Protein backbone atom coordinates (compact mmCIF):
# COMPACT_ATOMS: atom_id res chain seq x y z
CA MET A 1 0.00 0.00 0.00
CA GLN A 2 1.28 3.43 -0.93
CA THR A 3 1.80 5.95 1.87
CA PHE A 4 1.44 9.68 1.41
CA SER A 5 2.56 12.70 3.36
CA ALA A 6 -0.24 14.82 4.82
CA PRO A 7 -0.20 17.35 1.91
CA GLN A 8 -0.12 14.52 -0.63
CA ALA A 9 -3.01 12.73 1.11
CA ARG A 10 -5.06 15.96 1.04
CA ALA A 11 -4.29 16.39 -2.67
CA VAL A 12 -5.34 12.78 -3.40
CA ALA A 13 -8.58 13.23 -1.43
CA ALA A 14 -9.30 16.51 -3.22
CA ALA A 15 -8.65 14.88 -6.61
CA ARG A 16 -11.07 12.04 -5.78
CA LEU A 17 -13.74 14.49 -4.63
CA GLN A 18 -13.25 16.68 -7.69
CA ARG A 19 -13.48 13.68 -10.04
CA SER A 20 -16.66 12.40 -8.39
CA SER A 21 -18.39 15.79 -8.65
CA CYS A 22 -16.96 17.01 -11.98
CA THR A 23 -19.75 17.56 -14.50
CA ASP A 24 -17.37 17.11 -17.43
CA THR A 25 -16.23 13.73 -16.08
CA LYS A 26 -19.79 12.51 -15.57
CA ALA A 27 -20.93 13.71 -19.00
CA HIS A 28 -17.87 12.12 -20.61
CA GLN A 29 -18.44 8.79 -18.83
CA LEU A 30 -22.06 8.63 -19.99
CA ALA A 31 -21.26 9.70 -23.55
CA ARG A 32 -18.49 7.09 -23.76
CA LEU A 33 -20.78 4.27 -22.61
CA VAL A 34 -23.56 5.32 -24.98
CA ARG A 35 -21.09 5.63 -27.89
CA GLN A 36 -19.75 2.13 -27.20
CA HIS A 37 -23.20 0.62 -27.81
CA TYR A 38 -23.63 2.47 -31.11
CA ASP A 39 -20.06 1.68 -32.23
CA ALA A 40 -20.46 -2.01 -31.40
CA GLU A 41 -23.62 -2.32 -33.47
CA LEU A 42 -22.49 -0.12 -36.39
CA SER A 43 -19.12 -1.90 -36.57
CA LYS A 44 -21.06 -4.80 -38.13
CA VAL A 45 -21.30 -2.66 -41.28
CA GLY A 46 -17.85 -1.06 -40.98
CA LEU A 47 -18.91 2.23 -39.39
CA ARG A 48 -18.43 4.15 -36.18
CA ILE A 49 -21.23 6.32 -34.82
CA THR A 50 -19.30 9.49 -35.70
CA GLN A 51 -19.02 8.35 -39.32
CA TYR A 52 -22.66 7.29 -39.49
CA ARG A 53 -23.80 10.62 -38.03
CA LEU A 54 -21.72 12.49 -40.57
CA LEU A 55 -23.07 10.42 -43.47
CA MET A 56 -26.64 11.01 -42.31
CA GLU A 57 -26.01 14.74 -41.91
CA VAL A 58 -24.59 15.05 -45.43
CA LEU A 59 -27.49 12.96 -46.76
CA ALA A 60 -29.97 15.31 -45.09
CA HIS A 61 -28.27 18.66 -45.82
CA GLY A 62 -25.75 18.09 -48.60
CA PRO A 63 -24.14 19.32 -50.62
CA VAL A 64 -22.77 21.43 -47.80
CA ARG A 65 -19.67 23.51 -47.13
CA PRO A 66 -17.33 21.83 -44.63
CA CYS A 67 -17.45 24.85 -42.30
CA ASP A 68 -21.26 24.73 -42.24
CA LEU A 69 -21.22 20.97 -41.67
CA ALA A 70 -18.79 21.33 -38.76
CA GLU A 71 -20.97 24.01 -37.19
CA THR A 72 -24.19 22.02 -37.65
CA MET A 73 -22.60 18.96 -36.03
CA SER A 74 -20.84 20.95 -33.27
CA LEU A 75 -17.44 19.69 -34.44
CA SER A 76 -14.17 21.51 -34.76
CA PRO A 77 -12.92 21.85 -38.34
CA SER A 78 -10.00 19.51 -37.58
CA THR A 79 -12.32 16.84 -36.13
CA LEU A 80 -14.54 17.11 -39.19
CA THR A 81 -11.52 16.74 -41.50
CA ARG A 82 -10.32 13.65 -39.58
CA THR A 83 -13.78 12.07 -39.73
CA LEU A 84 -14.26 12.91 -43.42
CA LYS A 85 -10.95 11.38 -44.61
CA PRO A 86 -11.96 7.69 -44.36
CA LEU A 87 -15.41 8.47 -45.79
CA ILE A 88 -13.80 10.14 -48.80
CA SER A 89 -11.28 7.31 -49.28
CA THR A 90 -14.05 4.68 -49.22
CA GLY A 91 -16.03 6.70 -51.75
CA TRP A 92 -19.01 7.36 -49.46
CA VAL A 93 -18.65 11.13 -49.66
CA ASP A 94 -17.00 13.44 -52.13
CA LEU A 95 -15.28 16.74 -51.45
CA GLY A 96 -15.64 18.84 -54.57
CA PRO A 97 -15.96 22.43 -55.68
CA GLY A 98 -18.53 24.63 -53.98
CA VAL A 99 -20.88 27.21 -55.39
CA ASP A 100 -17.97 29.51 -56.24
CA GLY A 101 -14.33 28.88 -57.00
CA ARG A 102 -13.22 29.64 -53.46
CA THR A 103 -15.27 27.09 -51.51
CA ARG A 104 -15.53 23.32 -51.25
CA SER A 105 -18.62 21.20 -50.86
CA VAL A 106 -19.23 17.82 -49.22
CA ARG A 107 -21.61 15.56 -51.14
CA ILE A 108 -22.84 12.05 -50.43
CA THR A 109 -22.22 9.50 -53.17
CA THR A 110 -24.42 6.64 -54.33
CA ALA A 111 -22.21 4.30 -52.28
CA GLY A 112 -22.68 6.62 -49.28
CA ARG A 113 -26.45 6.48 -49.65
CA SER A 114 -26.23 2.68 -49.69
CA LYS A 115 -24.03 2.73 -46.57
CA CYS A 116 -26.59 4.90 -44.79
CA ALA A 117 -29.33 2.44 -45.67
CA GLU A 118 -27.14 -0.47 -44.54
CA GLY A 119 -26.37 1.25 -41.24
CA MET A 120 -29.93 2.30 -40.39
CA PRO A 121 -31.13 -1.04 -38.92
CA HIS A 122 -27.94 -1.30 -36.83
CA TRP A 123 -28.38 2.26 -35.55
CA SER A 124 -31.98 1.35 -34.65
CA VAL A 125 -30.83 -1.70 -32.69
CA ALA A 126 -28.26 0.37 -30.79
CA GLN A 127 -30.81 3.11 -30.13
CA ALA A 128 -33.32 0.58 -28.76
CA LYS A 129 -30.66 -1.05 -26.56
CA VAL A 130 -29.50 2.25 -25.10
CA HIS A 131 -33.11 3.28 -24.44
CA GLN A 132 -33.82 -0.08 -22.82
CA LEU A 133 -30.73 0.18 -20.60
CA ILE A 134 -31.45 3.76 -19.53
CA GLY A 135 -35.22 3.38 -19.39
CA SER A 136 -37.67 5.25 -21.58
CA ARG A 137 -38.65 7.65 -18.80
CA ASN A 138 -35.01 8.48 -18.12
CA VAL A 139 -34.32 8.90 -21.85
CA SER A 140 -37.10 11.48 -22.12
CA ALA A 141 -35.87 13.27 -19.01
CA LEU A 142 -32.26 13.12 -20.24
CA HIS A 143 -33.18 14.55 -23.66
CA ALA A 144 -35.16 17.37 -22.04
CA LEU A 145 -32.34 18.15 -19.60
CA ILE A 146 -29.68 18.09 -22.30
CA GLY A 147 -31.83 20.39 -24.46
CA GLU A 148 -32.20 22.87 -21.60
CA CYS A 149 -28.46 22.71 -20.85
CA LEU A 150 -27.58 23.29 -24.51
CA ILE A 151 -29.81 26.37 -24.63
CA SER A 152 -28.45 27.76 -21.34
CA MET A 153 -24.82 27.15 -22.20
CA SER A 154 -25.16 28.36 -25.80
CA ALA A 155 -26.71 31.62 -24.57
CA ALA A 156 -23.66 32.14 -22.33
CA GLU A 157 -21.20 31.95 -25.24
C-alpha cells in the first residue's frame, strides 16, 4: 500500500472528490458508454457512430460547405476533417468544388447512400438497446435536460 505525506493525502482526497463531482467527467463517462453501444452495433457494417452521423447529416443537408457541416454537427474543423478522410477514401462522400471557386462542398455519393441504408437497422438496434438500458422515462428526461443545458450554455457563449 502506498503511503502519502499529509499534503499529498489531502491532494489525493481533493482529486477524488473533484473527479466524483466534476460535471465534465460525468458527461464524458455517460457519452463514452452510450457511444460504445452504437459503435459495437455499427461496426457490423464497418462504421463508427461518428461516421454514421456524418453520413446522415450530409445525406440530409448536402451538398454542404465543410465549415457549415462542422458548425451544424458541433465539431471543430480539424475533427470534421479527420472524420471525413476515411469516408472520402471509401467513396461514401465526395469533397468537390462549392458554389464559387473559393469554396468546397461535401456531397454524399451513391455508395454513401447505400451505406446509410445499410447502417440504419444497426443504428436502430443500438438506439433501442441504449433506451432499454437507460429506461424510456429516463431517456425522455435526459433529452429534455440536455436540451435545456444546450440552450443555457449556448446563450452564455
